[in-house]
């Protein structure tokens, strides 16, 4: 019997790269790839597909800011390149866009479950769940109930909690999206990979919950910026 083929995202979880800021070798899911565009501008490559030499930086605002301020991209590229001050913001937006696009794909492919009751029912169904998707600004009570319900059934899905309700609503075409889940597959693997990096960029691995007022303000701002 032939061995199962690995998904590219699984390879990314295993491969290691060197962070140009600290010199530390890390798994790719802790890093963001940047490349120099043809005109010498450093741009985020969150899908790790753009041509050119990859310049890897830890997925944190502090690390990206250090790379920009100390001109470490030029040193690593051995070329005259420029990195703008908003590079961390652009990396964050790119990750959000990729995650929302994948959630939309999961919905169209029938791999997404929406709503508290539907997710709860799916936990007792024959189809497994790989991810629980919980809006960062949603009620903690509902999140705890689904988390506890999953664990009571011996299930341990990865919990994605780095997106706001307004962002989820824009991706899924409905308002007030708080709870969702994704069935196993390549999209779930990619969402998990990107969630780890977005959590780090948004500081959620350090402070799980923002102040309620600040959260609402950030949500309104992101929703406004996301509109065409």
N, C-alpha and C. Protein backbone atom coordinates (compact mmCIF):
# COMPACT_ATOMS: atom_id res chain seq x y z
N UNK A 1 0.86 -1.20 0.00
CA UNK A 1 0.00 0.00 0.00
C UNK A 1 0.89 1.25 0.00
N UNK A 2 0.58 2.18 -0.85
CA UNK A 2 1.39 3.39 -0.95
C UNK A 2 1.10 4.32 0.20
N UNK A 3 2.10 5.11 0.58
CA UNK A 3 1.93 6.05 1.69
C UNK A 3 1.00 7.17 1.27
N UNK A 4 0.26 7.70 2.25
CA UNK A 4 -0.66 8.80 1.98
C UNK A 4 0.12 10.03 1.57
N UNK A 5 -0.38 10.74 0.58
CA UNK A 5 0.29 11.95 0.12
C UNK A 5 0.05 13.09 1.09
N UNK A 6 1.11 13.79 1.44
CA UNK A 6 0.99 14.92 2.36
C UNK A 6 0.43 16.13 1.65
N UNK A 7 -0.38 16.89 2.38
CA UNK A 7 -0.84 18.17 1.86
C UNK A 7 0.30 19.18 1.96
N UNK A 8 0.36 20.18 1.07
CA UNK A 8 1.40 21.21 1.17
C UNK A 8 1.42 21.88 2.53
N UNK A 9 0.24 22.07 3.15
CA UNK A 9 0.19 22.73 4.46
C UNK A 9 0.85 21.88 5.54
N UNK A 10 0.75 20.53 5.40
CA UNK A 10 1.41 19.66 6.35
C UNK A 10 2.93 19.80 6.23
N UNK A 11 3.39 19.95 4.97
CA UNK A 11 4.81 20.16 4.76
C UNK A 11 5.27 21.46 5.43
N UNK A 12 4.43 22.50 5.34
CA UNK A 12 4.79 23.79 5.93
C UNK A 12 4.87 23.68 7.45
N UNK A 13 4.05 22.79 8.06
CA UNK A 13 4.10 22.63 9.50
C UNK A 13 5.41 21.95 9.91
N UNK A 14 6.03 21.20 8.99
CA UNK A 14 7.23 20.45 9.31
C UNK A 14 8.51 21.15 8.88
N UNK A 15 8.47 21.84 7.73
CA UNK A 15 9.68 22.48 7.23
C UNK A 15 10.13 23.59 8.17
N UNK A 16 11.41 23.86 8.15
CA UNK A 16 11.97 24.92 9.01
C UNK A 16 12.69 25.94 8.15
N UNK A 17 12.65 27.19 8.62
CA UNK A 17 13.35 28.29 7.95
C UNK A 17 14.05 29.14 9.01
N UNK A 18 14.98 29.94 8.57
CA UNK A 18 15.72 30.80 9.49
C UNK A 18 15.11 32.19 9.52
N UNK A 19 14.78 32.66 10.71
CA UNK A 19 14.25 34.00 10.91
C UNK A 19 15.39 35.00 10.70
N UNK A 20 15.20 35.98 9.82
CA UNK A 20 16.28 36.92 9.51
C UNK A 20 16.52 37.90 10.65
N UNK A 21 15.61 37.95 11.62
CA UNK A 21 15.79 38.89 12.75
C UNK A 21 16.67 38.28 13.83
N UNK A 22 16.33 37.08 14.27
CA UNK A 22 17.05 36.45 15.38
C UNK A 22 18.06 35.40 14.92
N UNK A 23 17.92 34.93 13.69
CA UNK A 23 18.77 33.85 13.23
C UNK A 23 18.29 32.49 13.69
N UNK A 24 17.19 32.46 14.43
CA UNK A 24 16.66 31.20 14.95
C UNK A 24 15.97 30.42 13.84
N UNK A 25 16.15 29.11 13.85
CA UNK A 25 15.47 28.24 12.90
C UNK A 25 14.13 27.83 13.50
N UNK A 26 13.04 28.07 12.76
CA UNK A 26 11.69 27.82 13.26
C UNK A 26 10.88 27.06 12.21
N UNK A 27 9.81 26.37 12.65
CA UNK A 27 8.88 25.78 11.66
C UNK A 27 8.17 26.89 10.91
N UNK A 28 7.80 26.62 9.67
CA UNK A 28 7.24 27.66 8.82
C UNK A 28 5.93 28.23 9.36
N UNK A 29 5.18 27.45 10.14
CA UNK A 29 3.91 27.98 10.62
C UNK A 29 4.10 29.08 11.66
N UNK A 30 5.33 29.30 12.12
CA UNK A 30 5.61 30.40 13.04
C UNK A 30 6.19 31.62 12.32
N UNK A 31 6.31 31.53 11.01
CA UNK A 31 6.98 32.56 10.24
C UNK A 31 6.10 33.06 9.10
N UNK A 32 6.45 34.24 8.60
CA UNK A 32 5.82 34.79 7.40
C UNK A 32 6.91 35.02 6.37
N UNK A 33 6.63 34.62 5.16
CA UNK A 33 7.58 34.81 4.07
C UNK A 33 7.37 36.16 3.42
N UNK A 34 8.45 36.85 3.16
CA UNK A 34 8.44 38.12 2.42
C UNK A 34 9.36 37.96 1.21
N UNK A 35 9.04 38.69 0.16
CA UNK A 35 9.89 38.70 -1.03
C UNK A 35 10.01 40.13 -1.53
N UNK A 36 11.02 40.36 -2.35
CA UNK A 36 11.18 41.66 -2.98
C UNK A 36 10.46 41.65 -4.32
N UNK A 37 9.63 42.66 -4.55
CA UNK A 37 8.93 42.79 -5.82
C UNK A 37 9.93 43.21 -6.90
N UNK A 38 9.55 43.19 -8.18
CA UNK A 38 10.48 43.59 -9.23
C UNK A 38 11.04 45.00 -9.06
N UNK A 39 10.29 45.88 -8.38
CA UNK A 39 10.81 47.24 -8.18
C UNK A 39 11.51 47.40 -6.84
N UNK A 40 11.78 46.28 -6.14
CA UNK A 40 12.57 46.34 -4.92
C UNK A 40 11.80 46.58 -3.64
N UNK A 41 10.47 46.52 -3.70
CA UNK A 41 9.68 46.70 -2.48
C UNK A 41 9.43 45.35 -1.81
N UNK A 42 9.61 45.29 -0.50
CA UNK A 42 9.35 44.07 0.26
C UNK A 42 7.85 43.93 0.44
N UNK A 43 7.32 42.75 0.07
CA UNK A 43 5.89 42.49 0.17
C UNK A 43 5.67 41.17 0.90
N UNK A 44 4.57 41.05 1.66
CA UNK A 44 4.28 39.77 2.33
C UNK A 44 3.82 38.73 1.32
N UNK A 45 4.26 37.50 1.53
CA UNK A 45 3.87 36.37 0.68
C UNK A 45 3.33 35.28 1.60
N UNK A 46 2.11 35.47 2.11
CA UNK A 46 1.58 34.56 3.12
C UNK A 46 1.31 33.16 2.57
N UNK A 47 1.12 33.04 1.25
CA UNK A 47 0.92 31.73 0.65
C UNK A 47 2.24 31.05 0.29
N UNK A 48 3.35 31.78 0.43
CA UNK A 48 4.69 31.25 0.13
C UNK A 48 4.77 30.72 -1.30
N UNK A 49 4.25 31.50 -2.24
CA UNK A 49 4.23 31.07 -3.64
C UNK A 49 4.88 32.06 -4.60
N UNK A 50 5.13 33.27 -4.16
CA UNK A 50 5.68 34.27 -5.07
C UNK A 50 7.12 33.92 -5.45
N UNK A 51 7.52 34.26 -6.68
CA UNK A 51 8.90 33.99 -7.08
C UNK A 51 9.88 34.90 -6.35
N UNK A 52 11.09 34.45 -6.27
CA UNK A 52 12.12 35.25 -5.61
C UNK A 52 12.59 34.59 -4.33
N UNK A 53 13.66 35.13 -3.81
CA UNK A 53 14.24 34.59 -2.58
C UNK A 53 13.33 34.90 -1.39
N UNK A 54 12.98 33.90 -0.61
CA UNK A 54 12.13 34.11 0.55
C UNK A 54 12.92 34.68 1.72
N UNK A 55 12.37 35.71 2.34
CA UNK A 55 12.95 36.33 3.53
C UNK A 55 11.95 36.10 4.66
N UNK A 56 12.30 35.24 5.60
CA UNK A 56 11.36 34.76 6.61
C UNK A 56 11.52 35.52 7.91
N UNK A 57 10.38 35.94 8.47
CA UNK A 57 10.37 36.69 9.74
C UNK A 57 9.31 36.08 10.63
N UNK A 58 9.61 36.02 11.91
CA UNK A 58 8.64 35.50 12.87
C UNK A 58 7.33 36.28 12.76
N UNK A 59 6.22 35.57 12.88
CA UNK A 59 4.89 36.19 12.74
C UNK A 59 4.53 36.99 13.98
N UNK A 60 5.20 38.12 14.14
CA UNK A 60 4.84 39.04 15.23
C UNK A 60 5.13 40.46 14.77
N UNK A 61 4.36 41.37 15.29
CA UNK A 61 4.55 42.78 14.90
C UNK A 61 5.92 43.28 15.33
N UNK A 62 6.37 42.86 16.50
CA UNK A 62 7.67 43.32 16.99
C UNK A 62 8.80 42.85 16.07
N UNK A 63 8.73 41.59 15.63
CA UNK A 63 9.79 41.06 14.77
C UNK A 63 9.79 41.76 13.42
N UNK A 64 8.61 41.98 12.84
CA UNK A 64 8.54 42.64 11.54
C UNK A 64 9.02 44.09 11.66
N UNK A 65 8.63 44.77 12.73
CA UNK A 65 9.08 46.15 12.94
C UNK A 65 10.60 46.22 13.07
N UNK A 66 11.18 45.26 13.77
CA UNK A 66 12.64 45.22 13.91
C UNK A 66 13.31 45.02 12.55
N UNK A 67 12.75 44.12 11.74
CA UNK A 67 13.32 43.87 10.42
C UNK A 67 13.27 45.12 9.55
N UNK A 68 12.18 45.89 9.67
CA UNK A 68 12.04 47.13 8.90
C UNK A 68 12.99 48.19 9.42
N UNK A 69 12.97 48.43 10.73
CA UNK A 69 13.74 49.52 11.31
C UNK A 69 15.26 49.32 11.16
N UNK A 70 15.70 48.07 11.25
CA UNK A 70 17.14 47.80 11.19
C UNK A 70 17.60 47.41 9.79
N UNK A 71 16.69 47.54 8.82
CA UNK A 71 17.02 47.26 7.42
C UNK A 71 17.57 45.84 7.24
N UNK A 72 16.96 44.90 7.95
CA UNK A 72 17.42 43.52 7.89
C UNK A 72 17.00 42.82 6.60
N UNK A 73 15.96 43.32 5.95
CA UNK A 73 15.56 42.73 4.67
C UNK A 73 16.66 42.96 3.63
N UNK A 74 17.22 44.17 3.60
CA UNK A 74 18.28 44.46 2.65
C UNK A 74 19.52 43.62 2.95
N UNK A 75 19.82 43.47 4.22
CA UNK A 75 20.99 42.67 4.59
C UNK A 75 20.81 41.21 4.17
N UNK A 76 19.62 40.66 4.44
CA UNK A 76 19.37 39.26 4.10
C UNK A 76 19.30 39.04 2.59
N UNK A 77 18.73 40.02 1.87
CA UNK A 77 18.60 39.90 0.42
C UNK A 77 19.89 40.24 -0.31
N UNK A 78 20.82 40.88 0.42
CA UNK A 78 22.07 41.35 -0.20
C UNK A 78 21.76 42.22 -1.42
N UNK A 79 20.77 43.12 -1.22
CA UNK A 79 20.34 43.98 -2.32
C UNK A 79 19.69 45.23 -1.74
N UNK A 80 19.59 46.26 -2.56
CA UNK A 80 18.91 47.49 -2.15
C UNK A 80 17.41 47.29 -2.27
N UNK A 81 16.77 46.99 -1.17
CA UNK A 81 15.32 46.83 -1.16
C UNK A 81 14.76 47.77 -0.11
N UNK A 82 13.47 48.04 -0.21
CA UNK A 82 12.86 48.94 0.77
C UNK A 82 11.65 48.24 1.41
N UNK A 83 11.51 48.45 2.71
CA UNK A 83 10.40 47.88 3.47
C UNK A 83 9.68 49.02 4.17
N UNK A 84 8.40 49.17 3.91
CA UNK A 84 7.62 50.27 4.47
C UNK A 84 7.19 49.98 5.91
N UNK A 85 6.86 51.04 6.64
CA UNK A 85 6.49 50.93 8.05
C UNK A 85 5.20 50.14 8.26
N UNK A 86 4.35 50.09 7.24
CA UNK A 86 3.06 49.42 7.40
C UNK A 86 3.13 47.94 7.01
N UNK A 87 4.33 47.37 6.96
CA UNK A 87 4.48 46.01 6.48
C UNK A 87 3.73 44.99 7.35
N UNK A 88 3.72 45.18 8.65
CA UNK A 88 2.99 44.26 9.53
C UNK A 88 1.49 44.34 9.28
N UNK A 89 0.98 45.57 9.06
CA UNK A 89 -0.44 45.73 8.74
C UNK A 89 -0.79 45.01 7.44
N UNK A 90 0.08 45.11 6.46
CA UNK A 90 -0.18 44.47 5.17
C UNK A 90 -0.13 42.95 5.29
N UNK A 91 0.78 42.45 6.13
CA UNK A 91 0.84 41.00 6.35
C UNK A 91 -0.43 40.51 7.04
N UNK A 92 -0.90 41.29 8.02
CA UNK A 92 -2.13 40.92 8.72
C UNK A 92 -3.32 40.89 7.76
N UNK A 93 -3.45 41.93 6.93
CA UNK A 93 -4.56 41.99 5.98
C UNK A 93 -4.50 40.84 4.98
N UNK A 94 -3.28 40.48 4.57
CA UNK A 94 -3.14 39.38 3.62
C UNK A 94 -3.57 38.05 4.25
N UNK A 95 -3.22 37.84 5.51
CA UNK A 95 -3.63 36.62 6.20
C UNK A 95 -5.15 36.58 6.38
N UNK A 96 -5.73 37.72 6.77
CA UNK A 96 -7.19 37.77 6.94
C UNK A 96 -7.88 37.46 5.62
N UNK A 97 -7.42 38.08 4.54
CA UNK A 97 -8.04 37.86 3.24
C UNK A 97 -7.95 36.40 2.82
N UNK A 98 -6.81 35.78 3.07
CA UNK A 98 -6.64 34.37 2.69
C UNK A 98 -7.56 33.47 3.52
N UNK A 99 -7.66 33.75 4.82
CA UNK A 99 -8.53 32.94 5.66
C UNK A 99 -9.99 33.10 5.29
N UNK A 100 -10.41 34.34 5.02
CA UNK A 100 -11.80 34.56 4.65
C UNK A 100 -12.11 33.91 3.30
N UNK A 101 -11.16 33.96 2.38
CA UNK A 101 -11.35 33.30 1.10
C UNK A 101 -11.50 31.80 1.27
N UNK A 102 -10.71 31.22 2.15
CA UNK A 102 -10.79 29.77 2.38
C UNK A 102 -12.08 29.38 3.09
N UNK A 103 -12.57 30.22 3.98
CA UNK A 103 -13.86 29.94 4.62
C UNK A 103 -14.99 29.98 3.59
N UNK A 104 -14.90 30.93 2.66
CA UNK A 104 -15.89 30.98 1.59
C UNK A 104 -15.83 29.74 0.71
N UNK A 105 -14.62 29.28 0.41
CA UNK A 105 -14.46 28.05 -0.37
C UNK A 105 -15.02 26.85 0.38
N UNK A 106 -14.77 26.80 1.70
CA UNK A 106 -15.27 25.69 2.51
C UNK A 106 -16.79 25.66 2.51
N UNK A 107 -17.40 26.84 2.55
CA UNK A 107 -18.86 26.89 2.53
C UNK A 107 -19.40 26.37 1.21
N UNK A 108 -18.82 26.82 0.11
CA UNK A 108 -19.30 26.39 -1.21
C UNK A 108 -19.06 24.90 -1.44
N UNK A 109 -18.04 24.35 -0.78
CA UNK A 109 -17.72 22.93 -0.95
C UNK A 109 -18.49 22.05 0.03
N UNK A 110 -19.34 22.66 0.86
CA UNK A 110 -20.11 21.89 1.83
C UNK A 110 -19.29 21.41 3.01
N UNK A 111 -18.14 22.07 3.27
CA UNK A 111 -17.25 21.67 4.36
C UNK A 111 -17.39 22.58 5.58
N UNK A 112 -18.32 23.54 5.51
CA UNK A 112 -18.49 24.51 6.59
C UNK A 112 -19.87 24.36 7.23
N UNK A 113 -19.90 24.42 8.55
CA UNK A 113 -21.15 24.39 9.31
C UNK A 113 -21.28 25.74 10.01
N UNK A 114 -22.45 26.39 9.90
CA UNK A 114 -22.66 27.71 10.45
C UNK A 114 -23.71 27.69 11.55
N UNK A 115 -23.46 28.43 12.64
CA UNK A 115 -24.44 28.59 13.69
C UNK A 115 -24.24 27.63 14.85
N UNK A 116 -24.54 28.12 16.06
CA UNK A 116 -24.33 27.34 17.28
C UNK A 116 -25.05 26.00 17.23
N UNK A 117 -26.35 26.01 16.94
CA UNK A 117 -27.14 24.77 16.97
C UNK A 117 -26.65 23.78 15.92
N UNK A 118 -26.32 24.27 14.73
CA UNK A 118 -25.85 23.37 13.68
C UNK A 118 -24.51 22.74 14.04
N UNK A 119 -23.61 23.55 14.62
CA UNK A 119 -22.32 23.00 15.04
C UNK A 119 -22.51 21.95 16.13
N UNK A 120 -23.39 22.25 17.10
CA UNK A 120 -23.65 21.31 18.19
C UNK A 120 -24.20 19.99 17.65
N UNK A 121 -25.13 20.07 16.69
CA UNK A 121 -25.68 18.84 16.11
C UNK A 121 -24.62 18.05 15.35
N UNK A 122 -23.73 18.77 14.67
CA UNK A 122 -22.69 18.10 13.90
C UNK A 122 -21.72 17.33 14.80
N UNK A 123 -21.54 17.80 16.03
CA UNK A 123 -20.67 17.09 16.96
C UNK A 123 -21.16 15.67 17.23
N UNK A 124 -22.47 15.45 17.10
CA UNK A 124 -23.04 14.12 17.31
C UNK A 124 -23.22 13.35 16.01
N UNK A 125 -22.85 13.97 14.89
CA UNK A 125 -23.05 13.33 13.60
C UNK A 125 -21.87 12.48 13.18
N UNK A 126 -21.98 11.84 12.02
CA UNK A 126 -20.92 10.94 11.54
C UNK A 126 -19.71 11.66 10.97
N UNK A 127 -19.87 12.93 10.57
CA UNK A 127 -18.76 13.65 9.95
C UNK A 127 -17.95 14.38 11.01
N UNK A 128 -16.64 14.18 10.97
CA UNK A 128 -15.76 14.79 11.96
C UNK A 128 -15.60 16.29 11.70
N UNK A 129 -15.20 17.00 12.73
CA UNK A 129 -14.88 18.42 12.61
C UNK A 129 -13.41 18.62 12.92
N UNK A 130 -12.73 19.40 12.07
CA UNK A 130 -11.31 19.68 12.29
C UNK A 130 -11.11 20.98 13.04
N UNK A 131 -11.99 21.96 12.79
CA UNK A 131 -11.84 23.29 13.37
C UNK A 131 -13.16 23.78 13.94
N UNK A 132 -13.09 24.46 15.07
CA UNK A 132 -14.18 25.31 15.53
C UNK A 132 -13.75 26.74 15.24
N UNK A 133 -14.60 27.50 14.59
CA UNK A 133 -14.31 28.90 14.28
C UNK A 133 -15.20 29.76 15.15
N UNK A 134 -14.60 30.55 16.03
CA UNK A 134 -15.34 31.38 16.97
C UNK A 134 -14.94 32.84 16.78
N UNK A 135 -15.91 33.71 16.59
CA UNK A 135 -15.61 35.14 16.44
C UNK A 135 -14.92 35.64 17.70
N UNK A 136 -13.86 36.39 17.52
CA UNK A 136 -13.09 36.88 18.67
C UNK A 136 -13.95 37.73 19.60
N UNK A 137 -14.89 38.49 19.03
CA UNK A 137 -15.71 39.39 19.81
C UNK A 137 -17.07 38.76 20.17
N UNK A 138 -17.22 37.47 20.01
CA UNK A 138 -18.46 36.80 20.37
C UNK A 138 -18.53 36.50 21.86
N UNK A 139 -19.70 36.09 22.32
CA UNK A 139 -19.91 35.77 23.73
C UNK A 139 -19.07 34.57 24.14
N UNK A 140 -18.43 34.70 25.28
CA UNK A 140 -17.62 33.61 25.79
C UNK A 140 -18.44 32.41 26.20
N UNK A 141 -19.70 32.62 26.57
CA UNK A 141 -20.54 31.53 27.05
C UNK A 141 -20.78 30.49 25.96
N UNK A 142 -21.15 30.95 24.77
CA UNK A 142 -21.39 30.03 23.66
C UNK A 142 -20.13 29.29 23.26
N UNK A 143 -19.01 29.99 23.26
CA UNK A 143 -17.74 29.36 22.91
C UNK A 143 -17.40 28.24 23.89
N UNK A 144 -17.57 28.52 25.17
CA UNK A 144 -17.27 27.51 26.19
C UNK A 144 -18.18 26.29 26.04
N UNK A 145 -19.45 26.53 25.74
CA UNK A 145 -20.38 25.41 25.61
C UNK A 145 -19.99 24.49 24.45
N UNK A 146 -19.62 25.07 23.31
CA UNK A 146 -19.22 24.23 22.18
C UNK A 146 -17.89 23.53 22.45
N UNK A 147 -16.97 24.24 23.06
CA UNK A 147 -15.67 23.65 23.39
C UNK A 147 -15.86 22.47 24.34
N UNK A 148 -16.66 22.68 25.39
CA UNK A 148 -16.90 21.62 26.36
C UNK A 148 -17.67 20.46 25.75
N UNK A 149 -18.63 20.77 24.87
CA UNK A 149 -19.40 19.72 24.21
C UNK A 149 -18.50 18.85 23.34
N UNK A 150 -17.56 19.48 22.64
CA UNK A 150 -16.64 18.71 21.80
C UNK A 150 -15.76 17.80 22.64
N UNK A 151 -15.22 18.34 23.72
CA UNK A 151 -14.32 17.55 24.56
C UNK A 151 -15.08 16.45 25.30
N UNK A 152 -16.34 16.71 25.65
CA UNK A 152 -17.13 15.67 26.31
C UNK A 152 -17.36 14.47 25.40
N UNK A 153 -17.29 14.70 24.10
CA UNK A 153 -17.46 13.62 23.12
C UNK A 153 -16.13 13.05 22.66
N UNK A 154 -15.06 13.44 23.33
CA UNK A 154 -13.74 12.94 22.98
C UNK A 154 -13.14 13.59 21.75
N UNK A 155 -13.72 14.73 21.33
CA UNK A 155 -13.23 15.44 20.15
C UNK A 155 -12.37 16.62 20.58
N UNK A 156 -11.33 16.88 19.84
CA UNK A 156 -10.44 17.99 20.17
C UNK A 156 -10.12 18.82 18.93
N UNK A 157 -11.13 19.47 18.36
CA UNK A 157 -10.88 20.31 17.17
C UNK A 157 -10.06 21.54 17.54
N UNK A 158 -9.27 22.00 16.59
CA UNK A 158 -8.51 23.24 16.80
C UNK A 158 -9.49 24.41 16.81
N UNK A 159 -9.31 25.33 17.74
CA UNK A 159 -10.22 26.47 17.86
C UNK A 159 -9.57 27.71 17.23
N UNK A 160 -10.20 28.22 16.18
CA UNK A 160 -9.76 29.45 15.51
C UNK A 160 -10.53 30.60 16.12
N UNK A 161 -9.82 31.54 16.75
CA UNK A 161 -10.50 32.63 17.44
C UNK A 161 -9.80 33.96 17.17
N UNK A 162 -9.33 34.12 15.93
CA UNK A 162 -8.56 35.32 15.60
C UNK A 162 -9.28 36.23 14.62
N UNK A 163 -10.51 35.89 14.25
CA UNK A 163 -11.28 36.71 13.31
C UNK A 163 -12.47 37.33 14.02
N UNK A 164 -12.85 38.52 13.57
CA UNK A 164 -13.98 39.23 14.16
C UNK A 164 -15.28 38.84 13.46
N UNK A 165 -16.39 39.03 14.15
CA UNK A 165 -17.70 38.69 13.59
C UNK A 165 -17.95 39.41 12.27
N UNK A 166 -17.58 40.69 12.19
CA UNK A 166 -17.79 41.46 10.96
C UNK A 166 -16.98 40.87 9.81
N UNK A 167 -15.76 40.41 10.08
CA UNK A 167 -14.93 39.80 9.05
C UNK A 167 -15.56 38.49 8.57
N UNK A 168 -16.01 37.68 9.51
CA UNK A 168 -16.66 36.41 9.15
C UNK A 168 -17.93 36.67 8.33
N UNK A 169 -18.68 37.69 8.72
CA UNK A 169 -19.90 38.02 8.00
C UNK A 169 -19.64 38.41 6.57
N UNK A 170 -18.58 39.19 6.34
CA UNK A 170 -18.25 39.60 4.98
C UNK A 170 -17.88 38.39 4.12
N UNK A 171 -17.19 37.42 4.72
CA UNK A 171 -16.76 36.25 3.97
C UNK A 171 -17.91 35.31 3.67
N UNK A 172 -18.87 35.21 4.60
CA UNK A 172 -19.90 34.19 4.52
C UNK A 172 -21.27 34.73 4.12
N UNK A 173 -21.35 36.05 3.90
CA UNK A 173 -22.58 36.62 3.36
C UNK A 173 -23.74 36.68 4.33
N UNK A 174 -23.47 36.78 5.60
CA UNK A 174 -24.54 36.96 6.58
C UNK A 174 -24.02 37.74 7.78
N UNK A 175 -24.92 38.35 8.51
CA UNK A 175 -24.53 39.18 9.64
C UNK A 175 -24.41 38.34 10.91
N UNK A 176 -23.63 38.88 11.84
CA UNK A 176 -23.53 38.32 13.19
C UNK A 176 -23.10 36.86 13.18
N UNK A 177 -22.05 36.55 12.44
CA UNK A 177 -21.51 35.19 12.45
C UNK A 177 -20.60 35.04 13.67
N UNK A 178 -20.95 34.14 14.56
CA UNK A 178 -20.18 33.93 15.78
C UNK A 178 -19.57 32.53 15.82
N UNK A 179 -20.36 31.51 15.46
CA UNK A 179 -19.91 30.13 15.56
C UNK A 179 -19.93 29.45 14.20
N UNK A 180 -18.87 28.72 13.90
CA UNK A 180 -18.81 27.93 12.68
C UNK A 180 -17.86 26.77 12.93
N UNK A 181 -17.84 25.84 12.01
CA UNK A 181 -16.93 24.70 12.11
C UNK A 181 -16.58 24.24 10.71
N UNK A 182 -15.43 23.60 10.59
CA UNK A 182 -14.95 23.14 9.28
C UNK A 182 -14.61 21.66 9.37
N UNK A 183 -15.05 20.92 8.37
CA UNK A 183 -14.74 19.49 8.31
C UNK A 183 -13.28 19.30 7.90
N UNK A 184 -12.70 18.13 8.19
CA UNK A 184 -11.30 17.88 7.84
C UNK A 184 -11.05 17.97 6.34
N UNK A 185 -9.84 18.34 5.98
CA UNK A 185 -9.46 18.45 4.58
C UNK A 185 -8.38 19.50 4.40
N UNK A 186 -8.02 19.73 3.17
CA UNK A 186 -6.96 20.68 2.88
C UNK A 186 -7.26 22.10 3.32
N UNK A 187 -8.52 22.54 3.18
CA UNK A 187 -8.88 23.89 3.61
C UNK A 187 -8.75 24.03 5.12
N UNK A 188 -9.14 23.02 5.86
CA UNK A 188 -9.01 23.07 7.32
C UNK A 188 -7.55 23.16 7.72
N UNK A 189 -6.69 22.41 7.05
CA UNK A 189 -5.26 22.44 7.35
C UNK A 189 -4.69 23.83 7.10
N UNK A 190 -5.09 24.44 5.98
CA UNK A 190 -4.57 25.76 5.64
C UNK A 190 -5.10 26.82 6.61
N UNK A 191 -6.37 26.70 7.00
CA UNK A 191 -6.93 27.65 7.96
C UNK A 191 -6.21 27.56 9.29
N UNK A 192 -5.88 26.35 9.71
CA UNK A 192 -5.15 26.19 10.96
C UNK A 192 -3.77 26.85 10.89
N UNK A 193 -3.08 26.62 9.79
CA UNK A 193 -1.76 27.22 9.59
C UNK A 193 -1.83 28.74 9.66
N UNK A 194 -2.78 29.32 8.92
CA UNK A 194 -2.88 30.78 8.89
C UNK A 194 -3.38 31.34 10.21
N UNK A 195 -4.25 30.60 10.90
CA UNK A 195 -4.76 31.06 12.19
C UNK A 195 -3.62 31.20 13.20
N UNK A 196 -2.70 30.26 13.20
CA UNK A 196 -1.57 30.33 14.14
C UNK A 196 -0.78 31.62 13.92
N UNK A 197 -0.58 31.97 12.65
CA UNK A 197 0.21 33.17 12.36
C UNK A 197 -0.58 34.45 12.62
N UNK A 198 -1.89 34.43 12.31
CA UNK A 198 -2.70 35.62 12.56
C UNK A 198 -2.87 35.85 14.07
N UNK A 199 -3.02 34.78 14.82
CA UNK A 199 -3.09 34.91 16.28
C UNK A 199 -1.85 35.62 16.81
N UNK A 200 -0.69 35.23 16.30
CA UNK A 200 0.55 35.86 16.75
C UNK A 200 0.62 37.33 16.34
N UNK A 201 0.21 37.63 15.10
CA UNK A 201 0.25 39.01 14.63
C UNK A 201 -0.72 39.90 15.41
N UNK A 202 -1.85 39.35 15.81
CA UNK A 202 -2.85 40.13 16.56
C UNK A 202 -2.64 40.05 18.06
N UNK A 203 -1.55 39.41 18.48
CA UNK A 203 -1.23 39.36 19.90
C UNK A 203 -2.14 38.48 20.72
N UNK A 204 -2.87 37.57 20.10
CA UNK A 204 -3.84 36.76 20.83
C UNK A 204 -3.19 35.62 21.60
N UNK A 205 -1.95 35.29 21.23
CA UNK A 205 -1.25 34.27 22.00
C UNK A 205 -0.69 34.85 23.30
N UNK A 206 -0.76 36.19 23.42
CA UNK A 206 -0.32 36.84 24.64
C UNK A 206 -1.50 37.32 25.48
N UNK A 207 -2.54 37.82 24.81
CA UNK A 207 -3.72 38.35 25.50
C UNK A 207 -4.96 37.85 24.80
N UNK A 208 -5.58 36.76 25.27
CA UNK A 208 -6.69 36.14 24.56
C UNK A 208 -7.87 37.05 24.31
N UNK A 209 -8.17 37.96 25.22
CA UNK A 209 -9.35 38.81 25.05
C UNK A 209 -8.95 40.27 25.18
N UNK A 210 -9.35 41.08 24.21
CA UNK A 210 -9.13 42.51 24.31
C UNK A 210 -10.23 43.13 25.15
N UNK A 211 -9.99 44.35 25.60
CA UNK A 211 -11.04 45.09 26.29
C UNK A 211 -12.26 45.19 25.38
N UNK A 212 -13.45 45.07 25.96
CA UNK A 212 -14.67 45.01 25.15
C UNK A 212 -14.84 46.25 24.28
N UNK A 213 -14.57 47.42 24.84
CA UNK A 213 -14.72 48.64 24.06
C UNK A 213 -13.73 48.71 22.93
N UNK A 214 -12.48 48.32 23.22
CA UNK A 214 -11.45 48.33 22.18
C UNK A 214 -11.79 47.33 21.08
N UNK A 215 -12.30 46.16 21.49
CA UNK A 215 -12.66 45.13 20.51
C UNK A 215 -13.72 45.64 19.55
N UNK A 216 -14.78 46.28 20.08
CA UNK A 216 -15.85 46.79 19.23
C UNK A 216 -15.33 47.86 18.27
N UNK A 217 -14.46 48.72 18.77
CA UNK A 217 -13.92 49.78 17.92
C UNK A 217 -13.08 49.19 16.79
N UNK A 218 -12.25 48.19 17.12
CA UNK A 218 -11.42 47.55 16.11
C UNK A 218 -12.30 46.82 15.09
N UNK A 219 -13.36 46.21 15.57
CA UNK A 219 -14.28 45.49 14.68
C UNK A 219 -14.89 46.45 13.66
N UNK A 220 -15.37 47.61 14.14
CA UNK A 220 -15.99 48.58 13.24
C UNK A 220 -14.99 49.08 12.21
N UNK A 221 -13.74 49.33 12.67
CA UNK A 221 -12.72 49.83 11.77
C UNK A 221 -12.38 48.82 10.69
N UNK A 222 -12.22 47.55 11.09
CA UNK A 222 -11.86 46.50 10.12
C UNK A 222 -12.99 46.29 9.12
N UNK A 223 -14.23 46.33 9.60
CA UNK A 223 -15.38 46.13 8.70
C UNK A 223 -15.43 47.25 7.66
N UNK A 224 -15.18 48.47 8.12
CA UNK A 224 -15.20 49.62 7.20
C UNK A 224 -14.08 49.51 6.16
N UNK A 225 -12.88 49.08 6.59
CA UNK A 225 -11.75 48.95 5.68
C UNK A 225 -11.95 47.82 4.67
N UNK A 226 -12.76 46.82 5.07
CA UNK A 226 -12.95 45.66 4.20
C UNK A 226 -13.98 45.92 3.10
N UNK A 227 -14.80 46.95 3.26
CA UNK A 227 -15.81 47.24 2.25
C UNK A 227 -15.18 47.80 0.99
N UNK A 228 -15.69 47.37 -0.19
CA UNK A 228 -15.10 47.87 -1.46
C UNK A 228 -15.31 49.36 -1.64
